[in-house]
C-alpha atoms as a PDB file:
ATOM      1  CA  MET A   1      79.188 139.161  57.401  1.00  0.00           C
ATOM      2  CA  VAL A   2      80.325 135.552  56.851  1.00  0.00           C
ATOM      3  CA  VAL A   3      83.935 136.675  57.233  1.00  0.00           C
ATOM      4  CA  VAL A   4      83.127 138.263  60.600  1.00  0.00           C
ATOM      5  CA  VAL A   5      81.417 135.073  61.793  1.00  0.00           C
ATOM      6  CA  VAL A   6      84.376 132.977  60.608  1.00  0.00           C
ATOM      7  CA  VAL A   7      86.835 135.331  62.325  1.00  0.00           C
ATOM      8  CA  VAL A   8      84.809 135.234  65.552  1.00  0.00           C
ATOM      9  CA  VAL A   9      84.579 131.432  65.426  1.00  0.00           C
ATOM     10  CA  VAL A  10      88.331 131.168  64.756  1.00  0.00           C
ATOM     11  CA  MET A  11      89.051 133.569  67.633  1.00  0.00           C
ATOM     12  CA  VAL A  12      86.802 131.573  69.966  1.00  0.00           C
ATOM     13  CA  VAL A  13      88.504 128.333  68.926  1.00  0.00           C
ATOM     14  CA  VAL A  14      91.949 129.913  69.448  1.00  0.00           C
ATOM     15  CA  VAL A  15      90.930 131.209  72.888  1.00  0.00           C
ATOM     16  CA  VAL A  16      89.520 127.800  73.860  1.00  0.00           C
ATOM     17  CA  VAL A  17      92.694 126.052  72.659  1.00  0.00           C
ATOM     18  CA  VAL A  18      94.928 128.531  74.509  1.00  0.00           C
ATOM     19  CA  VAL A  19      92.876 128.206  77.700  1.00  0.00           C
ATOM     20  CA  ALA A  20      92.938 124.421  77.393  1.00  0.00           C
ATOM     21  CA  ALA A  21      96.710 124.503  76.860  1.00  0.00           C
ATOM     22  CA  VAL A  22      97.171 126.722  79.917  1.00  0.00           C
ATOM     23  CA  VAL A  23      94.962 124.420  82.000  1.00  0.00           C
ATOM     24  CA  VAL A  24      96.931 121.381  80.826  1.00  0.00           C
ATOM     25  CA  VAL A  25     100.234 123.091  81.670  1.00  0.00           C
ATOM     26  CA  ILE A  26      98.921 124.062  85.119  1.00  0.00           C
ATOM     27  CA  VAL A  27      97.700 120.504  85.757  1.00  0.00           C
ATOM     28  CA  VAL A  28     101.043 119.053  84.653  1.00  0.00           C
ATOM     29  CA  VAL A  29     102.952 121.485  86.880  1.00  0.00           C
ATOM     30  CA  VAL A  30     100.709 120.661  89.848  1.00  0.00           C
ATOM     31  CA  VAL A  31     101.112 116.921  89.260  1.00  0.00           C
ATOM     32  CA  VAL A  32     104.902 117.279  89.029  1.00  0.00           C
ATOM     33  CA  LEU A  33     104.968 119.376  92.201  1.00  0.00           C
ATOM     34  CA  VAL A  34     102.835 116.800  94.013  1.00  0.00           C
ATOM     35  CA  GLU A  35     105.182 114.042  92.853  1.00  0.00           C
ATOM     36  CA  VAL A  36     108.192 116.037  94.063  1.00  0.00           C
ATOM     37  CA  VAL A  37     106.527 116.593  97.438  1.00  0.00           C
ATOM     38  CA  VAL A  38     105.690 112.886  97.697  1.00  0.00           C
ATOM     39  CA  VAL A  39     109.291 111.931  96.878  1.00  0.00           C
ATOM     40  CA  VAL A  40     110.632 114.418  99.441  1.00  0.00           C
ATOM     41  CA  VAL A  41     108.219 113.100 102.084  1.00  0.00           C
ATOM     42  CA  LEU A  42     109.243 109.523 101.299  1.00  0.00           C
ATOM     43  CA  VAL A  43     112.945 110.416 101.544  1.00  0.00           C
ATOM     44  CA  VAL A  44     112.324 112.154 104.875  1.00  0.00           C
ATOM     45  CA  LEU A  45     110.399 109.111 106.122  1.00  0.00           C
ATOM     46  CA  VAL A  46     113.219 106.782 105.060  1.00  0.00           C
ATOM     47  CA  VAL A  47     115.759 108.996 106.847  1.00  0.00           C
ATOM     48  CA  VAL A  48     113.574 109.046 109.976  1.00  0.00           C
ATOM     49  CA  VAL A  49     113.213 105.248 109.895  1.00  0.00           C
ATOM     50  CA  VAL A  50     116.981 104.807 109.477  1.00  0.00           C
ATOM     51  CA  VAL A  51     117.667 107.205 112.364  1.00  0.00           C
ATOM     52  CA  VAL A  52     115.138 105.401 114.579  1.00  0.00           C
ATOM     53  CA  VAL A  53     116.654 102.016 113.723  1.00  0.00           C
ATOM     54  CA  VAL A  54     120.166 103.302 114.472  1.00  0.00           C
ATOM     55  CA  VAL A  55     119.009 104.800 117.781  1.00  0.00           C
ATOM     56  CA  VAL A  56     117.251 101.552 118.743  1.00  0.00           C
ATOM     57  CA  VAL A  57     120.342  99.505 117.879  1.00  0.00           C
ATOM     58  CA  VAL A  58     122.589 101.862 119.858  1.00  0.00           C
ATOM     59  CA  VAL A  59     120.215 101.744 122.835  1.00  0.00           C
ATOM     60  CA  GLU A  60     120.083  97.948 122.654  1.00  0.00           C
ATOM     61  CA  VAL A  61     123.889  97.752 122.528  1.00  0.00           C
ATOM     62  CA  VAL A  62     124.173 100.134 125.488  1.00  0.00           C
ATOM     63  CA  VAL A  63     121.594  98.107 127.445  1.00  0.00           C
ATOM     64  CA  VAL A  64     123.427  94.861 126.678  1.00  0.00           C
ATOM     65  CA  VAL A  65     126.758  96.402 127.720  1.00  0.00           C
ATOM     66  CA  VAL A  66     125.237  97.718 130.957  1.00  0.00           C
ATOM     67  CA  VAL A  67     123.644  94.339 131.708  1.00  0.00           C
ATOM     68  CA  VAL A  68     126.957  92.581 131.058  1.00  0.00           C
ATOM     69  CA  GLU A  69     128.758  95.063 133.327  1.00  0.00           C
ATOM     70  CA  VAL A  70     126.177  94.522 136.084  1.00  0.00           C
ATOM     71  CA  VAL A  71     126.505  90.741 135.756  1.00  0.00           C
ATOM     72  CA  VAL A  72     130.304  91.011 135.929  1.00  0.00           C
ATOM     73  CA  VAL A  73     130.118  93.238 139.015  1.00  0.00           C
ATOM     74  CA  VAL A  74     127.666  90.855 140.703  1.00  0.00           C
ATOM     75  CA  LEU A  75     129.922  87.901 139.883  1.00  0.00           C
ATOM     76  CA  VAL A  76     132.972  89.704 141.259  1.00  0.00           C
ATOM     77  CA  VAL A  77     131.073  90.571 144.447  1.00  0.00           C
ATOM     78  CA  VAL A  78     129.911  86.958 144.829  1.00  0.00           C
ATOM     79  CA  ILE A  79     133.459  85.681 144.267  1.00  0.00           C
ATOM     80  CA  VAL A  80     134.860  88.142 146.817  1.00  0.00           C
ATOM     81  CA  VAL A  81     132.194  87.185 149.368  1.00  0.00           C
ATOM     82  CA  VAL A  82     132.862  83.469 148.822  1.00  0.00           C
ATOM     83  CA  VAL A  83     136.620  83.992 149.177  1.00  0.00           C
ATOM     84  CA  VAL A  84     136.139  86.034 152.350  1.00  0.00           C
ATOM     85  CA  VAL A  85     133.795  83.407 153.813  1.00  0.00           C
ATOM     86  CA  VAL A  86     136.224  80.609 152.928  1.00  0.00           C
ATOM     87  CA  VAL A  87     139.147  82.524 154.447  1.00  0.00           C
ATOM     88  CA  VAL A  88     137.169  83.259 157.619  1.00  0.00           C
ATOM     89  CA  VAL A  89     136.010  79.646 157.937  1.00  0.00           C
ATOM     90  CA  VAL A  90     139.502  78.261 157.287  1.00  0.00           C
ATOM     91  CA  GLU A  91     141.101  80.539 159.899  1.00  0.00           C
END
């Protein structure tokens, strides 16, 4: 009878240890997966930020170029008008 009780207690302890080990493994796997997901999300966020910064810089450069072109065109028009007025006044 004592042997049966000892065997049952040992079996219960073994089952508890195995279940605990499985739970620990599952928790570790879940934690690792969460860490991997967090790293992937962070990498994606960094890529998105870099792309946004590049797009903003390109847009700013394009805007500056367009503004410079408009200023040059306005200056050329003003110069042409002044020259035409001077020529008309002189003649």
